[in-house]
C-alpha cells in the first residue's frame, strides 16, 4: 500500500539486535515509536489516517499523520477526511490502527521478516 508522508524512513533498523525492544506510545493525538535506551522517539506523527483517491488513476492511497498539503492537490479528498482510530481514548477503529502501525514500522525501517 503506498504511503504519502514527509517523515523519512529510518535506515539503521538492521543495526539493532533483535533483543532491543521497540517502544511504542500510542496516544490519541500523536503516535511515537523508537528504540529502548534512546532518549527520544525515532518517529513521531499525528495519529490520523486519510484514504483519498488519485484524481487521474482512481488509485486509493493512505495518508498517515502529517503530510505535505501540496501533494493533496492530486487527490480527491471529498469522500475521505482525516480519521482517528480512537473513540473516547479507546481504540475503536482497528483497520485505521493497522494502517498507523504499518506506517510506524515502515518509517522505523522495519522489514517484515524481523518484526516479532
PDB file of N, CA and C in Angstrom:
ATOM      1  N   UNK A   1       0.840  -1.164   0.000  1.00  0.00           N
ATOM      2  CA  UNK A   1       0.000   0.000   0.000  1.00  0.00           C
ATOM      3  C   UNK A   1       0.892   1.236   0.000  1.00  0.00           C
ATOM      4  N   UNK A   2       0.667   2.180  -0.902  1.00  0.00           N
ATOM      5  CA  UNK A   2       1.519   3.377  -0.946  1.00  0.00           C
ATOM      6  C   UNK A   2       1.179   4.344   0.178  1.00  0.00           C
ATOM      7  N   UNK A   3       2.222   4.899   0.783  1.00  0.00           N
ATOM      8  CA  UNK A   3       2.066   5.908   1.824  1.00  0.00           C
ATOM      9  C   UNK A   3       2.526   7.244   1.295  1.00  0.00           C
ATOM     10  N   UNK A   4       1.859   8.308   1.704  1.00  0.00           N
ATOM     11  CA  UNK A   4       2.323   9.663   1.426  1.00  0.00           C
ATOM     12  C   UNK A   4       2.764  10.245   2.757  1.00  0.00           C
ATOM     13  N   UNK A   5       4.003  10.719   2.831  1.00  0.00           N
ATOM     14  CA  UNK A   5       4.494  11.242   4.093  1.00  0.00           C
ATOM     15  C   UNK A   5       5.716  12.104   3.868  1.00  0.00           C
ATOM     16  N   UNK A   6       5.909  13.067   4.776  1.00  0.00           N
ATOM     17  CA  UNK A   6       7.144  13.821   4.752  1.00  0.00           C
ATOM     18  C   UNK A   6       8.112  13.312   5.817  1.00  0.00           C
ATOM     19  N   UNK A   7       7.734  12.249   6.518  1.00  0.00           N
ATOM     20  CA  UNK A   7       8.602  11.619   7.511  1.00  0.00           C
ATOM     21  C   UNK A   7       9.516  10.635   6.790  1.00  0.00           C
ATOM     22  N   UNK A   8      10.818  10.843   6.921  1.00  0.00           N
ATOM     23  CA  UNK A   8      11.782   9.980   6.251  1.00  0.00           C
ATOM     24  C   UNK A   8      11.867   8.624   6.926  1.00  0.00           C
ATOM     25  N   UNK A   9      12.108   7.591   6.124  1.00  0.00           N
ATOM     26  CA  UNK A   9      12.275   6.228   6.633  1.00  0.00           C
ATOM     27  C   UNK A   9      13.658   6.096   7.260  1.00  0.00           C
ATOM     28  N   UNK A  10      13.727   5.516   8.455  1.00  0.00           N
ATOM     29  CA  UNK A  10      14.997   5.279   9.139  1.00  0.00           C
ATOM     30  C   UNK A  10      15.775   4.207   8.382  1.00  0.00           C
ATOM     31  N   UNK A  11      17.105   4.310   8.409  1.00  0.00           N
ATOM     32  CA  UNK A  11      17.923   3.382   7.620  1.00  0.00           C
ATOM     33  C   UNK A  11      18.773   2.445   8.480  1.00  0.00           C
ATOM     34  N   UNK A  12      18.729   2.585   9.786  1.00  0.00           N
ATOM     35  CA  UNK A  12      19.620   1.785  10.633  1.00  0.00           C
ATOM     36  C   UNK A  12      18.903   0.690  11.411  1.00  0.00           C
ATOM     37  N   UNK A  13      17.775   0.229  10.937  1.00  0.00           N
ATOM     38  CA  UNK A  13      16.985  -0.799  11.630  1.00  0.00           C
ATOM     39  C   UNK A  13      17.799  -2.072  11.869  1.00  0.00           C
ATOM     40  N   UNK A  14      18.552  -2.510  10.881  1.00  0.00           N
ATOM     41  CA  UNK A  14      19.324  -3.757  10.990  1.00  0.00           C
ATOM     42  C   UNK A  14      20.514  -3.644  11.928  1.00  0.00           C
ATOM     43  N   UNK A  15      20.857  -2.440  12.347  1.00  0.00           N
ATOM     44  CA  UNK A  15      21.968  -2.231  13.272  1.00  0.00           C
ATOM     45  C   UNK A  15      21.609  -2.676  14.690  1.00  0.00           C
ATOM     46  N   UNK A  16      20.313  -2.680  15.005  1.00  0.00           N
ATOM     47  CA  UNK A  16      19.868  -3.048  16.348  1.00  0.00           C
ATOM     48  C   UNK A  16      19.668  -4.561  16.449  1.00  0.00           C
ATOM     49  N   UNK A  17      20.151  -5.182  17.532  1.00  0.00           N
ATOM     50  CA  UNK A  17      19.917  -6.623  17.696  1.00  0.00           C
ATOM     51  C   UNK A  17      18.428  -6.882  17.948  1.00  0.00           C
ATOM     52  N   UNK A  18      17.982  -8.082  17.635  1.00  0.00           N
ATOM     53  CA  UNK A  18      16.569  -8.415  17.801  1.00  0.00           C
ATOM     54  C   UNK A  18      16.143  -8.383  19.264  1.00  0.00           C
ATOM     55  N   UNK A  19      17.083  -8.368  20.190  1.00  0.00           N
ATOM     56  CA  UNK A  19      16.747  -8.313  21.612  1.00  0.00           C
ATOM     57  C   UNK A  19      16.456  -6.889  22.092  1.00  0.00           C
ATOM     58  N   UNK A  20      16.732  -5.866  21.268  1.00  0.00           N
ATOM     59  CA  UNK A  20      16.442  -4.490  21.653  1.00  0.00           C
ATOM     60  C   UNK A  20      14.957  -4.213  21.476  1.00  0.00           C
ATOM     61  N   UNK A  21      14.265  -3.855  22.564  1.00  0.00           N
ATOM     62  CA  UNK A  21      12.817  -3.616  22.461  1.00  0.00           C
ATOM     63  C   UNK A  21      12.491  -2.363  21.659  1.00  0.00           C
ATOM     64  N   UNK A  22      11.369  -2.429  20.956  1.00  0.00           N
ATOM     65  CA  UNK A  22      10.798  -1.257  20.292  1.00  0.00           C
ATOM     66  C   UNK A  22       9.759  -0.690  21.246  1.00  0.00           C
ATOM     67  N   UNK A  23       9.845   0.622  21.499  1.00  0.00           N
ATOM     68  CA  UNK A  23       8.933   1.277  22.428  1.00  0.00           C
ATOM     69  C   UNK A  23       7.892   2.047  21.621  1.00  0.00           C
ATOM     70  N   UNK A  24       6.608   1.835  21.950  1.00  0.00           N
ATOM     71  CA  UNK A  24       5.508   2.483  21.240  1.00  0.00           C
ATOM     72  C   UNK A  24       4.666   3.266  22.243  1.00  0.00           C
ATOM     73  N   UNK A  25       4.414   4.537  21.927  1.00  0.00           N
ATOM     74  CA  UNK A  25       3.484   5.363  22.689  1.00  0.00           C
ATOM     75  C   UNK A  25       2.327   5.685  21.749  1.00  0.00           C
ATOM     76  N   UNK A  26       1.235   4.972  21.891  1.00  0.00           N
ATOM     77  CA  UNK A  26       0.081   5.098  21.005  1.00  0.00           C
ATOM     78  C   UNK A  26      -0.935   6.035  21.643  1.00  0.00           C
ATOM     79  N   UNK A  27      -0.649   7.338  21.589  1.00  0.00           N
ATOM     80  CA  UNK A  27      -1.544   8.313  22.182  1.00  0.00           C
ATOM     81  C   UNK A  27      -2.703   8.642  21.251  1.00  0.00           C
ATOM     82  N   UNK A  28      -3.748   9.210  21.796  1.00  0.00           N
ATOM     83  CA  UNK A  28      -4.923   9.558  20.996  1.00  0.00           C
ATOM     84  C   UNK A  28      -4.620  10.688  20.010  1.00  0.00           C
ATOM     85  N   UNK A  29      -3.620  11.517  20.286  1.00  0.00           N
ATOM     86  CA  UNK A  29      -3.274  12.622  19.381  1.00  0.00           C
ATOM     87  C   UNK A  29      -2.023  12.342  18.556  1.00  0.00           C
ATOM     88  N   UNK A  30      -0.982  11.814  19.180  1.00  0.00           N
ATOM     89  CA  UNK A  30       0.283  11.558  18.495  1.00  0.00           C
ATOM     90  C   UNK A  30       0.732  10.128  18.728  1.00  0.00           C
ATOM     91  N   UNK A  31       1.405   9.578  17.724  1.00  0.00           N
ATOM     92  CA  UNK A  31       1.984   8.241  17.795  1.00  0.00           C
ATOM     93  C   UNK A  31       3.495   8.417  17.836  1.00  0.00           C
ATOM     94  N   UNK A  32       4.157   7.729  18.755  1.00  0.00           N
ATOM     95  CA  UNK A  32       5.613   7.794  18.882  1.00  0.00           C
ATOM     96  C   UNK A  32       6.155   6.367  18.904  1.00  0.00           C
ATOM     97  N   UNK A  33       7.252   6.156  18.180  1.00  0.00           N
ATOM     98  CA  UNK A  33       7.887   4.843  18.157  1.00  0.00           C
ATOM     99  C   UNK A  33       9.397   5.033  18.088  1.00  0.00           C
ATOM    100  N   UNK A  34      10.113   4.171  18.791  1.00  0.00           N
ATOM    101  CA  UNK A  34      11.565   4.252  18.797  1.00  0.00           C
ATOM    102  C   UNK A  34      12.157   3.049  19.502  1.00  0.00           C
ATOM    103  N   UNK A  35      13.433   3.157  19.798  1.00  0.00           N
ATOM    104  CA  UNK A  35      14.177   2.061  20.414  1.00  0.00           C
ATOM    105  C   UNK A  35      14.366   2.321  21.895  1.00  0.00           C
ATOM    106  N   UNK A  36      14.249   1.260  22.704  1.00  0.00           N
ATOM    107  CA  UNK A  36      14.528   1.367  24.136  1.00  0.00           C
ATOM    108  C   UNK A  36      15.984   1.782  24.312  1.00  0.00           C
ATOM    109  N   UNK A  37      16.224   2.651  25.271  1.00  0.00           N
ATOM    110  CA  UNK A  37      17.580   3.116  25.540  1.00  0.00           C
ATOM    111  C   UNK A  37      17.916   4.439  24.879  1.00  0.00           C
ATOM    112  N   UNK A  38      17.148   4.866  23.898  1.00  0.00           N
ATOM    113  CA  UNK A  38      17.372   6.167  23.272  1.00  0.00           C
ATOM    114  C   UNK A  38      16.533   7.213  24.001  1.00  0.00           C
ATOM    115  N   UNK A  39      17.000   8.440  24.013  1.00  0.00           N
ATOM    116  CA  UNK A  39      16.322   9.480  24.788  1.00  0.00           C
ATOM    117  C   UNK A  39      15.070  10.018  24.095  1.00  0.00           C
ATOM    118  N   UNK A  40      14.993   9.944  22.786  1.00  0.00           N
ATOM    119  CA  UNK A  40      13.857  10.471  22.026  1.00  0.00           C
ATOM    120  C   UNK A  40      13.301   9.398  21.103  1.00  0.00           C
ATOM    121  N   UNK A  41      11.994   9.438  20.834  1.00  0.00           N
ATOM    122  CA  UNK A  41      11.445   8.508  19.840  1.00  0.00           C
ATOM    123  C   UNK A  41      12.005   8.820  18.452  1.00  0.00           C
ATOM    124  N   UNK A  42      12.150   7.803  17.623  1.00  0.00           N
ATOM    125  CA  UNK A  42      12.663   7.980  16.273  1.00  0.00           C
ATOM    126  C   UNK A  42      11.638   8.627  15.349  1.00  0.00           C
ATOM    127  N   UNK A  43      10.370   8.226  15.514  1.00  0.00           N
ATOM    128  CA  UNK A  43       9.317   8.665  14.605  1.00  0.00           C
ATOM    129  C   UNK A  43       8.142   9.191  15.441  1.00  0.00           C
ATOM    130  N   UNK A  44       7.683  10.397  15.122  1.00  0.00           N
ATOM    131  CA  UNK A  44       6.526  11.000  15.779  1.00  0.00           C
ATOM    132  C   UNK A  44       5.615  11.548  14.689  1.00  0.00           C
ATOM    133  N   UNK A  45       4.330  11.213  14.755  1.00  0.00           N
ATOM    134  CA  UNK A  45       3.377  11.757  13.785  1.00  0.00           C
ATOM    135  C   UNK A  45       1.987  11.810  14.402  1.00  0.00           C
ATOM    136  N   UNK A  46       1.112  12.616  13.803  1.00  0.00           N
ATOM    137  CA  UNK A  46      -0.271  12.701  14.276  1.00  0.00           C
ATOM    138  C   UNK A  46      -0.949  11.358  14.051  1.00  0.00           C
ATOM    139  N   UNK A  47      -1.775  10.961  14.961  1.00  0.00           N
ATOM    140  CA  UNK A  47      -2.408   9.647  14.943  1.00  0.00           C
ATOM    141  C   UNK A  47      -3.719   9.696  14.152  1.00  0.00           C
ATOM    142  N   UNK A  48      -3.612  10.024  12.858  1.00  0.00           N
ATOM    143  CA  UNK A  48      -4.776  10.097  11.975  1.00  0.00           C
ATOM    144  C   UNK A  48      -4.455   9.442  10.641  1.00  0.00           C
ATOM    145  N   UNK A  49      -5.508   9.040   9.929  1.00  0.00           N
ATOM    146  CA  UNK A  49      -5.380   8.411   8.615  1.00  0.00           C
ATOM    147  C   UNK A  49      -6.396   9.035   7.676  1.00  0.00           C
ATOM    148  N   UNK A  50      -5.972   9.232   6.428  1.00  0.00           N
ATOM    149  CA  UNK A  50      -6.875   9.676   5.373  1.00  0.00           C
ATOM    150  C   UNK A  50      -6.629   8.788   4.162  1.00  0.00           C
ATOM    151  N   UNK A  51      -7.691   8.389   3.442  1.00  0.00           N
ATOM    152  CA  UNK A  51      -7.554   7.476   2.296  1.00  0.00           C
ATOM    153  C   UNK A  51      -8.204   8.082   1.048  1.00  0.00           C
ATOM    154  N   UNK A  52      -7.575   9.092   0.449  1.00  0.00           N
ATOM    155  CA  UNK A  52      -8.154   9.698  -0.761  1.00  0.00           C
ATOM    156  C   UNK A  52      -7.808   8.892  -2.014  1.00  0.00           C
ATOM    157  N   UNK A  53      -8.517   9.202  -3.098  1.00  0.00           N
ATOM    158  CA  UNK A  53      -8.249   8.582  -4.403  1.00  0.00           C
ATOM    159  C   UNK A  53      -7.501   9.571  -5.286  1.00  0.00           C
ATOM    160  N   UNK A  54      -6.573   9.033  -6.087  1.00  0.00           N
ATOM    161  CA  UNK A  54      -5.855   9.855  -7.049  1.00  0.00           C
ATOM    162  C   UNK A  54      -6.842  10.314  -8.114  1.00  0.00           C
ATOM    163  N   UNK A  55      -6.774  11.588  -8.489  1.00  0.00           N
ATOM    164  CA  UNK A  55      -7.751  12.161  -9.421  1.00  0.00           C
ATOM    165  C   UNK A  55      -7.705  11.527 -10.805  1.00  0.00           C
ATOM    166  N   UNK A  56      -6.515  11.193 -11.301  1.00  0.00           N
ATOM    167  CA  UNK A  56      -6.431  10.672 -12.669  1.00  0.00           C
ATOM    168  C   UNK A  56      -6.501   9.140 -12.742  1.00  0.00           C
ATOM    169  N   UNK A  57      -5.925   8.441 -11.769  1.00  0.00           N
ATOM    170  CA  UNK A  57      -5.890   6.977 -11.852  1.00  0.00           C
ATOM    171  C   UNK A  57      -6.982   6.303 -11.023  1.00  0.00           C
ATOM    172  N   UNK A  58      -7.526   6.996 -10.029  1.00  0.00           N
ATOM    173  CA  UNK A  58      -8.525   6.402  -9.159  1.00  0.00           C
ATOM    174  C   UNK A  58      -7.948   5.513  -8.077  1.00  0.00           C
ATOM    175  N   UNK A  59      -6.624   5.401  -8.023  1.00  0.00           N
ATOM    176  CA  UNK A  59      -5.968   4.559  -7.016  1.00  0.00           C
ATOM    177  C   UNK A  59      -6.124   5.189  -5.629  1.00  0.00           C
ATOM    178  N   UNK A  60      -6.456   4.369  -4.643  1.00  0.00           N
ATOM    179  CA  UNK A  60      -6.562   4.835  -3.263  1.00  0.00           C
ATOM    180  C   UNK A  60      -5.190   4.784  -2.619  1.00  0.00           C
ATOM    181  N   UNK A  61      -4.822   5.861  -1.947  1.00  0.00           N
ATOM    182  CA  UNK A  61      -3.558   5.916  -1.213  1.00  0.00           C
ATOM    183  C   UNK A  61      -3.869   6.118   0.260  1.00  0.00           C
ATOM    184  N   UNK A  62      -2.905   5.830   1.085  1.00  0.00           N
ATOM    185  CA  UNK A  62      -3.061   6.001   2.523  1.00  0.00           C
ATOM    186  C   UNK A  62      -2.173   7.145   2.979  1.00  0.00           C
ATOM    187  N   UNK A  63      -2.787   8.140   3.590  1.00  0.00           N
ATOM    188  CA  UNK A  63      -2.065   9.283   4.147  1.00  0.00           C
ATOM    189  C   UNK A  63      -2.152   9.139   5.660  1.00  0.00           C
ATOM    190  N   UNK A  64      -1.001   8.941   6.291  1.00  0.00           N
ATOM    191  CA  UNK A  64      -0.948   8.758   7.738  1.00  0.00           C
ATOM    192  C   UNK A  64      -0.217   9.944   8.348  1.00  0.00           C
ATOM    193  N   UNK A  65      -0.805  10.505   9.386  1.00  0.00           N
ATOM    194  CA  UNK A  65      -0.149  11.582  10.120  1.00  0.00           C
ATOM    195  C   UNK A  65      -0.012  12.847   9.308  1.00  0.00           C
ATOM    196  N   UNK A  66       1.063  13.553   9.575  1.00  0.00           N
ATOM    197  CA  UNK A  66       1.335  14.808   8.889  1.00  0.00           C
ATOM    198  C   UNK A  66       1.782  14.537   7.461  1.00  0.00           C
ATOM    199  N   UNK A  67       1.365  15.389   6.554  1.00  0.00           N
ATOM    200  CA  UNK A  67       1.690  15.194   5.153  1.00  0.00           C
ATOM    201  C   UNK A  67       1.885  16.543   4.484  1.00  0.00           C
ATOM    202  N   UNK A  68       2.466  16.521   3.322  1.00  0.00           N
ATOM    203  CA  UNK A  68       2.680  17.728   2.537  1.00  0.00           C
ATOM    204  C   UNK A  68       1.363  18.092   1.860  1.00  0.00           C
ATOM    205  N   UNK A  69       0.747  19.178   2.278  1.00  0.00           N
ATOM    206  CA  UNK A  69      -0.566  19.549   1.749  1.00  0.00           C
ATOM    207  C   UNK A  69      -0.518  19.862   0.253  1.00  0.00           C
ATOM    208  N   UNK A  70       0.639  20.225  -0.278  1.00  0.00           N
ATOM    209  CA  UNK A  70       0.750  20.487  -1.715  1.00  0.00           C
ATOM    210  C   UNK A  70       0.508  19.220  -2.528  1.00  0.00           C
ATOM    211  N   UNK A  71       0.818  18.049  -1.972  1.00  0.00           N
ATOM    212  CA  UNK A  71       0.596  16.793  -2.679  1.00  0.00           C
ATOM    213  C   UNK A  71      -0.885  16.457  -2.810  1.00  0.00           C
ATOM    214  N   UNK A  72      -1.695  16.937  -1.892  1.00  0.00           N
ATOM    215  CA  UNK A  72      -3.107  16.575  -1.896  1.00  0.00           C
ATOM    216  C   UNK A  72      -3.888  17.185  -3.053  1.00  0.00           C
ATOM    217  N   UNK A  73      -3.294  18.120  -3.792  1.00  0.00           N
ATOM    218  CA  UNK A  73      -3.999  18.677  -4.949  1.00  0.00           C
ATOM    219  C   UNK A  73      -4.208  17.622  -6.036  1.00  0.00           C
ATOM    220  N   UNK A  74      -3.463  16.524  -5.975  1.00  0.00           N
ATOM    221  CA  UNK A  74      -3.586  15.438  -6.945  1.00  0.00           C
ATOM    222  C   UNK A  74      -4.621  14.396  -6.528  1.00  0.00           C
ATOM    223  N   UNK A  75      -5.245  14.583  -5.356  1.00  0.00           N
ATOM    224  CA  UNK A  75      -6.155  13.583  -4.820  1.00  0.00           C
ATOM    225  C   UNK A  75      -7.532  14.168  -4.556  1.00  0.00           C
ATOM    226  N   UNK A  76      -8.534  13.314  -4.687  1.00  0.00           N
ATOM    227  CA  UNK A  76      -9.915  13.687  -4.382  1.00  0.00           C
ATOM    228  C   UNK A  76     -10.167  13.373  -2.911  1.00  0.00           C
ATOM    229  N   UNK A  77     -10.177  14.408  -2.087  1.00  0.00           N
ATOM    230  CA  UNK A  77     -10.328  14.227  -0.635  1.00  0.00           C
ATOM    231  C   UNK A  77     -11.757  14.492  -0.165  1.00  0.00           C
ATOM    232  N   UNK A  78     -12.706  14.626  -1.109  1.00  0.00           N
ATOM    233  CA  UNK A  78     -14.067  14.972  -0.718  1.00  0.00           C
ATOM    234  C   UNK A  78     -14.772  13.851   0.033  1.00  0.00           C
ATOM    235  N   UNK A  79     -14.407  12.607  -0.193  1.00  0.00           N
ATOM    236  CA  UNK A  79     -15.071  11.478   0.474  1.00  0.00           C
ATOM    237  C   UNK A  79     -14.271  10.910   1.631  1.00  0.00           C
ATOM    238  N   UNK A  80     -13.073  11.390   1.821  1.00  0.00           N
ATOM    239  CA  UNK A  80     -12.206  10.786   2.837  1.00  0.00           C
ATOM    240  C   UNK A  80     -11.521  11.872   3.662  1.00  0.00           C
ATOM    241  N   UNK A  81     -12.115  12.215   4.785  1.00  0.00           N
ATOM    242  CA  UNK A  81     -11.481  13.152   5.697  1.00  0.00           C
ATOM    243  C   UNK A  81     -10.558  12.426   6.647  1.00  0.00           C
ATOM    244  N   UNK A  82      -9.738  13.167   7.372  1.00  0.00           N
ATOM    245  CA  UNK A  82      -8.859  12.526   8.361  1.00  0.00           C
ATOM    246  C   UNK A  82      -9.683  11.804   9.425  1.00  0.00           C
ATOM    247  N   UNK A  83      -9.268  10.583   9.751  1.00  0.00           N
ATOM    248  CA  UNK A  83      -9.988   9.771  10.735  1.00  0.00           C
ATOM    249  C   UNK A  83      -9.020   9.284  11.804  1.00  0.00           C
ATOM    250  N   UNK A  84      -9.519   9.169  12.995  1.00  0.00           N
ATOM    251  CA  UNK A  84      -8.747   8.651  14.115  1.00  0.00           C
ATOM    252  C   UNK A  84      -9.210   7.236  14.438  1.00  0.00           C
ATOM    253  N   UNK A  85      -8.317   6.450  14.999  1.00  0.00           N
ATOM    254  CA  UNK A  85      -8.674   5.090  15.410  1.00  0.00           C
ATOM    255  C   UNK A  85      -9.356   5.082  16.772  1.00  0.00           C
ATOM    256  N   UNK A  86      -9.389   6.243  17.427  1.00  0.00           N
ATOM    257  CA  UNK A  86      -9.860   6.316  18.799  1.00  0.00           C
ATOM    258  C   UNK A  86     -11.274   6.873  18.912  1.00  0.00           C
ATOM    259  N   UNK A  87     -11.976   6.398  19.925  1.00  0.00           N
ATOM    260  CA  UNK A  87     -13.252   6.955  20.347  1.00  0.00           C
ATOM    261  C   UNK A  87     -13.194   7.018  21.868  1.00  0.00           C
ATOM    262  N   UNK A  88     -13.221   8.227  22.427  1.00  0.00           N
ATOM    263  CA  UNK A  88     -13.079   8.423  23.879  1.00  0.00           C
ATOM    264  C   UNK A  88     -11.812   7.767  24.419  1.00  0.00           C
ATOM    265  N   UNK A  89     -10.703   7.976  23.721  1.00  0.00           N
ATOM    266  CA  UNK A  89      -9.377   7.483  24.119  1.00  0.00           C
ATOM    267  C   UNK A  89      -9.251   5.960  24.157  1.00  0.00           C
ATOM    268  N   UNK A  90     -10.116   5.255  23.456  1.00  0.00           N
ATOM    269  CA  UNK A  90     -10.041   3.805  23.329  1.00  0.00           C
ATOM    270  C   UNK A  90     -10.006   3.467  21.845  1.00  0.00           C
ATOM    271  N   UNK A  91      -9.104   2.555  21.441  1.00  0.00           N
ATOM    272  CA  UNK A  91      -9.044   2.160  20.036  1.00  0.00           C
ATOM    273  C   UNK A  91     -10.376   1.523  19.654  1.00  0.00           C
ATOM    274  N   UNK A  92     -11.004   2.101  18.642  1.00  0.00           N
ATOM    275  CA  UNK A  92     -12.328   1.669  18.208  1.00  0.00           C
ATOM    276  C   UNK A  92     -12.307   1.221  16.751  1.00  0.00           C
ATOM    277  N   UNK A  93     -11.476   1.850  15.941  1.00  0.00           N
ATOM    278  CA  UNK A  93     -11.360   1.544  14.514  1.00  0.00           C
ATOM    279  C   UNK A  93     -10.058   0.771  14.287  1.00  0.00           C
ATOM    280  N   UNK A  94     -10.158  -0.552  14.298  1.00  0.00           N
ATOM    281  CA  UNK A  94      -8.958  -1.378  14.217  1.00  0.00           C
ATOM    282  C   UNK A  94      -8.307  -1.344  12.838  1.00  0.00           C
ATOM    283  N   UNK A  95      -9.066  -1.138  11.781  1.00  0.00           N
ATOM    284  CA  UNK A  95      -8.480  -1.018  10.445  1.00  0.00           C
ATOM    285  C   UNK A  95      -7.588   0.222  10.364  1.00  0.00           C
ATOM    286  N   UNK A  96      -8.034   1.318  10.926  1.00  0.00           N
ATOM    287  CA  UNK A  96      -7.221   2.537  10.947  1.00  0.00           C
ATOM    288  C   UNK A  96      -5.969   2.318  11.788  1.00  0.00           C
ATOM    289  N   UNK A  97      -6.115   1.635  12.919  1.00  0.00           N
ATOM    290  CA  UNK A  97      -4.959   1.350  13.775  1.00  0.00           C
ATOM    291  C   UNK A  97      -3.946   0.492  13.039  1.00  0.00           C
ATOM    292  N   UNK A  98      -4.416  -0.430  12.207  1.00  0.00           N
ATOM    293  CA  UNK A  98      -3.495  -1.252  11.416  1.00  0.00           C
ATOM    294  C   UNK A  98      -2.703  -0.402  10.427  1.00  0.00           C
ATOM    295  N   UNK A  99      -3.353   0.553   9.768  1.00  0.00           N
ATOM    296  CA  UNK A  99      -2.640   1.466   8.863  1.00  0.00           C
ATOM    297  C   UNK A  99      -1.575   2.246   9.627  1.00  0.00           C
ATOM    298  N   UNK A 100      -1.919   2.711  10.815  1.00  0.00           N
ATOM    299  CA  UNK A 100      -0.979   3.505  11.617  1.00  0.00           C
ATOM    300  C   UNK A 100       0.220   2.654  12.034  1.00  0.00           C
ATOM    301  N   UNK A 101      -0.025   1.433  12.492  1.00  0.00           N
ATOM    302  CA  UNK A 101       1.081   0.559  12.901  1.00  0.00           C
ATOM    303  C   UNK A 101       1.952   0.159  11.709  1.00  0.00           C
ATOM    304  N   UNK A 102       1.343  -0.153  10.566  1.00  0.00           N
ATOM    305  CA  UNK A 102       2.121  -0.464   9.360  1.00  0.00           C
ATOM    306  C   UNK A 102       3.016   0.707   8.989  1.00  0.00           C
ATOM    307  N   UNK A 103       2.455   1.900   9.020  1.00  0.00           N
ATOM    308  CA  UNK A 103       3.214   3.105   8.688  1.00  0.00           C
ATOM    309  C   UNK A 103       4.356   3.316   9.677  1.00  0.00           C
ATOM    310  N   UNK A 104       4.074   3.159  10.974  1.00  0.00           N
ATOM    311  CA  UNK A 104       5.091   3.383  12.003  1.00  0.00           C
ATOM    312  C   UNK A 104       6.272   2.432  11.835  1.00  0.00           C
ATOM    313  N   UNK A 105       5.993   1.154  11.634  1.00  0.00           N
ATOM    314  CA  UNK A 105       7.086   0.194  11.454  1.00  0.00           C
ATOM    315  C   UNK A 105       7.825   0.428  10.141  1.00  0.00           C
ATOM    316  N   UNK A 106       7.102   0.862   9.097  1.00  0.00           N
ATOM    317  CA  UNK A 106       7.754   1.199   7.839  1.00  0.00           C
ATOM    318  C   UNK A 106       8.716   2.362   8.025  1.00  0.00           C
ATOM    319  N   UNK A 107       8.290   3.411   8.716  1.00  0.00           N
ATOM    320  CA  UNK A 107       9.150   4.590   8.943  1.00  0.00           C
ATOM    321  C   UNK A 107      10.305   4.269   9.888  1.00  0.00           C
ATOM    322  N   UNK A 108      10.124   3.301  10.774  1.00  0.00           N
ATOM    323  CA  UNK A 108      11.219   2.882  11.649  1.00  0.00           C
ATOM    324  C   UNK A 108      12.267   2.103  10.853  1.00  0.00           C
ATOM    325  N   UNK A 109      11.892   1.653   9.674  1.00  0.00           N
ATOM    326  CA  UNK A 109      12.827   0.941   8.817  1.00  0.00           C
ATOM    327  C   UNK A 109      12.689  -0.566   8.902  1.00  0.00           C
ATOM    328  N   UNK A 110      11.630  -1.029   9.542  1.00  0.00           N
ATOM    329  CA  UNK A 110      11.442  -2.472   9.730  1.00  0.00           C
ATOM    330  C   UNK A 110      11.112  -3.159   8.420  1.00  0.00           C
ATOM    331  N   UNK A 111      11.708  -4.322   8.237  1.00  0.00           N
ATOM    332  CA  UNK A 111      11.269  -5.182   7.156  1.00  0.00           C
ATOM    333  C   UNK A 111      10.460  -6.294   7.794  1.00  0.00           C
ATOM    334  N   UNK A 112       9.468  -6.793   7.121  1.00  0.00           N
ATOM    335  CA  UNK A 112       8.520  -7.729   7.684  1.00  0.00           C
ATOM    336  C   UNK A 112       9.115  -8.984   8.285  1.00  0.00           C
ATOM    337  N   UNK A 113      10.301  -9.385   7.861  1.00  0.00           N
ATOM    338  CA  UNK A 113      10.844 -10.654   8.323  1.00  0.00           C
ATOM    339  C   UNK A 113      11.414 -10.579   9.739  1.00  0.00           C
ATOM    340  N   UNK A 114      11.752  -9.385  10.238  1.00  0.00           N
ATOM    341  CA  UNK A 114      12.397  -9.294  11.541  1.00  0.00           C
ATOM    342  C   UNK A 114      11.517  -8.769  12.648  1.00  0.00           C
ATOM    343  N   UNK A 115      10.317  -8.316  12.355  1.00  0.00           N
ATOM    344  CA  UNK A 115       9.440  -7.776  13.388  1.00  0.00           C
ATOM    345  C   UNK A 115       8.717  -8.930  14.044  1.00  0.00           C
ATOM    346  N   UNK A 116       8.864  -9.029  15.372  1.00  0.00           N
ATOM    347  CA  UNK A 116       8.179 -10.111  16.090  1.00  0.00           C
ATOM    348  C   UNK A 116       7.639  -9.629  17.407  1.00  0.00           C
TER     349      UNK A 116
END
